[in-house]
């Protein structure tokens, strides 16, 4: 599980541009107090 979380946090970048071609049913959750997310 830790390896999966590390891969997700350090190898995937999500910006608004990432969702331009995505289906309309996309939920983006953003939490400034999320301790697991890399601030970068």
PDB file of N, CA and C in Angstrom:
ATOM      1  N   UNK A   1       0.829  -1.192   0.000  1.00  0.00           N
ATOM      2  CA  UNK A   1       0.000   0.000   0.000  1.00  0.00           C
ATOM      3  C   UNK A   1       0.873   1.256   0.000  1.00  0.00           C
ATOM      4  N   UNK A   2       1.946   1.231   0.791  1.00  0.00           N
ATOM      5  CA  UNK A   2       2.847   2.390   0.837  1.00  0.00           C
ATOM      6  C   UNK A   2       3.496   2.631  -0.521  1.00  0.00           C
ATOM      7  N   UNK A   3       3.883   1.566  -1.216  1.00  0.00           N
ATOM      8  CA  UNK A   3       4.482   1.715  -2.545  1.00  0.00           C
ATOM      9  C   UNK A   3       3.493   2.338  -3.521  1.00  0.00           C
ATOM     10  N   UNK A   4       2.253   1.926  -3.430  1.00  0.00           N
ATOM     11  CA  UNK A   4       1.204   2.464  -4.296  1.00  0.00           C
ATOM     12  C   UNK A   4       0.988   3.955  -4.016  1.00  0.00           C
ATOM     13  N   UNK A   5       0.942   4.325  -2.742  1.00  0.00           N
ATOM     14  CA  UNK A   5       0.761   5.729  -2.370  1.00  0.00           C
ATOM     15  C   UNK A   5       1.938   6.566  -2.837  1.00  0.00           C
ATOM     16  N   UNK A   6       3.147   6.045  -2.663  1.00  0.00           N
ATOM     17  CA  UNK A   6       4.339   6.774  -3.094  1.00  0.00           C
ATOM     18  C   UNK A   6       4.322   6.976  -4.606  1.00  0.00           C
ATOM     19  N   UNK A   7       3.979   5.942  -5.350  1.00  0.00           N
ATOM     20  CA  UNK A   7       3.895   6.059  -6.805  1.00  0.00           C
ATOM     21  C   UNK A   7       2.879   7.128  -7.200  1.00  0.00           C
ATOM     22  N   UNK A   8       1.724   7.108  -6.568  1.00  0.00           N
ATOM     23  CA  UNK A   8       0.683   8.081  -6.884  1.00  0.00           C
ATOM     24  C   UNK A   8       1.136   9.503  -6.564  1.00  0.00           C
ATOM     25  N   UNK A   9       1.725   9.707  -5.387  1.00  0.00           N
ATOM     26  CA  UNK A   9       2.107  11.048  -4.953  1.00  0.00           C
ATOM     27  C   UNK A   9       3.248  11.647  -5.771  1.00  0.00           C
ATOM     28  N   UNK A  10       4.202  10.814  -6.180  1.00  0.00           N
ATOM     29  CA  UNK A  10       5.391  11.346  -6.827  1.00  0.00           C
ATOM     30  C   UNK A  10       5.409  11.190  -8.347  1.00  0.00           C
ATOM     31  N   UNK A  11       4.516  10.383  -8.913  1.00  0.00           N
ATOM     32  CA  UNK A  11       4.579  10.139 -10.351  1.00  0.00           C
ATOM     33  C   UNK A  11       3.346  10.584 -11.124  1.00  0.00           C
ATOM     34  N   UNK A  12       2.386  11.168 -10.435  1.00  0.00           N
ATOM     35  CA  UNK A  12       1.184  11.615 -11.123  1.00  0.00           C
ATOM     36  C   UNK A  12       0.933  13.085 -10.791  1.00  0.00           C
ATOM     37  N   UNK A  13       0.697  13.869 -11.821  1.00  0.00           N
ATOM     38  CA  UNK A  13       0.416  15.288 -11.653  1.00  0.00           C
ATOM     39  C   UNK A  13      -0.973  15.567 -12.200  1.00  0.00           C
ATOM     40  N   UNK A  14      -1.769  16.249 -11.428  1.00  0.00           N
ATOM     41  CA  UNK A  14      -3.126  16.555 -11.842  1.00  0.00           C
ATOM     42  C   UNK A  14      -3.323  18.062 -11.837  1.00  0.00           C
ATOM     43  N   UNK A  15      -3.682  18.581 -12.983  1.00  0.00           N
ATOM     44  CA  UNK A  15      -4.002  19.996 -13.123  1.00  0.00           C
ATOM     45  C   UNK A  15      -5.336  20.098 -13.856  1.00  0.00           C
ATOM     46  N   UNK A  16      -5.860  21.289 -13.976  1.00  0.00           N
ATOM     47  CA  UNK A  16      -7.120  21.446 -14.698  1.00  0.00           C
ATOM     48  C   UNK A  16      -6.980  20.999 -16.148  1.00  0.00           C
ATOM     49  N   UNK A  17      -5.781  21.142 -16.725  1.00  0.00           N
ATOM     50  CA  UNK A  17      -5.562  20.714 -18.104  1.00  0.00           C
ATOM     51  C   UNK A  17      -5.706  19.198 -18.251  1.00  0.00           C
ATOM     52  N   UNK A  18      -5.419  18.466 -17.191  1.00  0.00           N
ATOM     53  CA  UNK A  18      -5.532  17.004 -17.240  1.00  0.00           C
ATOM     54  C   UNK A  18      -6.962  16.549 -17.488  1.00  0.00           C
ATOM     55  N   UNK A  19      -7.918  17.384 -17.149  1.00  0.00           N
ATOM     56  CA  UNK A  19      -9.317  16.982 -17.205  1.00  0.00           C
ATOM     57  C   UNK A  19     -10.082  17.585 -18.378  1.00  0.00           C
ATOM     58  N   UNK A  20      -9.398  18.320 -19.240  1.00  0.00           N
ATOM     59  CA  UNK A  20     -10.073  18.954 -20.375  1.00  0.00           C
ATOM     60  C   UNK A  20     -10.728  17.908 -21.273  1.00  0.00           C
ATOM     61  N   UNK A  21     -10.010  16.813 -21.535  1.00  0.00           N
ATOM     62  CA  UNK A  21     -10.558  15.785 -22.416  1.00  0.00           C
ATOM     63  C   UNK A  21     -11.231  14.649 -21.643  1.00  0.00           C
ATOM     64  N   UNK A  22     -11.369  14.794 -20.350  1.00  0.00           N
ATOM     65  CA  UNK A  22     -11.990  13.750 -19.519  1.00  0.00           C
ATOM     66  C   UNK A  22     -13.510  13.818 -19.638  1.00  0.00           C
ATOM     67  N   UNK A  23     -14.180  12.732 -19.310  1.00  0.00           N
ATOM     68  CA  UNK A  23     -15.653  12.764 -19.295  1.00  0.00           C
ATOM     69  C   UNK A  23     -16.166  13.835 -18.327  1.00  0.00           C
ATOM     70  N   UNK A  24     -17.402  14.204 -18.484  1.00  0.00           N
ATOM     71  CA  UNK A  24     -17.991  15.273 -17.671  1.00  0.00           C
ATOM     72  C   UNK A  24     -18.181  14.891 -16.208  1.00  0.00           C
ATOM     73  N   UNK A  25     -18.176  13.629 -15.874  1.00  0.00           N
ATOM     74  CA  UNK A  25     -18.415  13.189 -14.499  1.00  0.00           C
ATOM     75  C   UNK A  25     -17.106  13.013 -13.733  1.00  0.00           C
ATOM     76  N   UNK A  26     -16.389  14.105 -13.521  1.00  0.00           N
ATOM     77  CA  UNK A  26     -15.121  14.067 -12.806  1.00  0.00           C
ATOM     78  C   UNK A  26     -15.267  14.897 -11.536  1.00  0.00           C
ATOM     79  N   UNK A  27     -14.928  14.288 -10.410  1.00  0.00           N
ATOM     80  CA  UNK A  27     -14.956  14.996  -9.136  1.00  0.00           C
ATOM     81  C   UNK A  27     -13.525  15.265  -8.705  1.00  0.00           C
ATOM     82  N   UNK A  28     -13.191  16.522  -8.488  1.00  0.00           N
ATOM     83  CA  UNK A  28     -11.853  16.898  -8.032  1.00  0.00           C
ATOM     84  C   UNK A  28     -11.978  17.354  -6.587  1.00  0.00           C
ATOM     85  N   UNK A  29     -11.255  16.678  -5.709  1.00  0.00           N
ATOM     86  CA  UNK A  29     -11.284  17.015  -4.287  1.00  0.00           C
ATOM     87  C   UNK A  29      -9.935  17.624  -3.937  1.00  0.00           C
ATOM     88  N   UNK A  30      -9.965  18.817  -3.381  1.00  0.00           N
ATOM     89  CA  UNK A  30      -8.742  19.526  -3.023  1.00  0.00           C
ATOM     90  C   UNK A  30      -8.834  19.913  -1.551  1.00  0.00           C
ATOM     91  N   UNK A  31      -7.827  19.515  -0.778  1.00  0.00           N
ATOM     92  CA  UNK A  31      -7.826  19.817   0.644  1.00  0.00           C
ATOM     93  C   UNK A  31      -6.490  20.424   1.040  1.00  0.00           C
ATOM     94  N   UNK A  32      -6.464  21.685   1.445  1.00  0.00           N
ATOM     95  CA  UNK A  32      -5.203  22.322   1.850  1.00  0.00           C
ATOM     96  C   UNK A  32      -4.629  21.723   3.132  1.00  0.00           C
ATOM     97  N   UNK A  33      -5.412  20.941   3.858  1.00  0.00           N
ATOM     98  CA  UNK A  33      -4.921  20.362   5.106  1.00  0.00           C
ATOM     99  C   UNK A  33      -4.596  18.878   4.972  1.00  0.00           C
ATOM    100  N   UNK A  34      -4.576  18.364   3.737  1.00  0.00           N
ATOM    101  CA  UNK A  34      -4.286  16.950   3.507  1.00  0.00           C
ATOM    102  C   UNK A  34      -2.805  16.680   3.746  1.00  0.00           C
ATOM    103  N   UNK A  35      -2.473  15.939   4.796  1.00  0.00           N
ATOM    104  CA  UNK A  35      -1.088  15.676   5.173  1.00  0.00           C
ATOM    105  C   UNK A  35      -0.420  14.645   4.269  1.00  0.00           C
ATOM    106  N   UNK A  36      -1.197  13.865   3.494  1.00  0.00           N
ATOM    107  CA  UNK A  36      -0.623  12.848   2.628  1.00  0.00           C
ATOM    108  C   UNK A  36      -0.171  13.408   1.284  1.00  0.00           C
ATOM    109  N   UNK A  37      -0.750  14.511   0.861  1.00  0.00           N
ATOM    110  CA  UNK A  37      -0.444  15.050  -0.458  1.00  0.00           C
ATOM    111  C   UNK A  37       0.843  15.868  -0.432  1.00  0.00           C
ATOM    112  N   UNK A  38       1.620  15.712  -1.468  1.00  0.00           N
ATOM    113  CA  UNK A  38       2.845  16.475  -1.630  1.00  0.00           C
ATOM    114  C   UNK A  38       2.455  17.901  -2.047  1.00  0.00           C
ATOM    115  N   UNK A  39       2.898  18.930  -1.329  1.00  0.00           N
ATOM    116  CA  UNK A  39       2.514  20.315  -1.672  1.00  0.00           C
ATOM    117  C   UNK A  39       2.909  20.719  -3.094  1.00  0.00           C
ATOM    118  N   UNK A  40       3.951  20.092  -3.643  1.00  0.00           N
ATOM    119  CA  UNK A  40       4.382  20.417  -4.991  1.00  0.00           C
ATOM    120  C   UNK A  40       3.312  20.003  -5.979  1.00  0.00           C
TER     121      UNK A  40
END
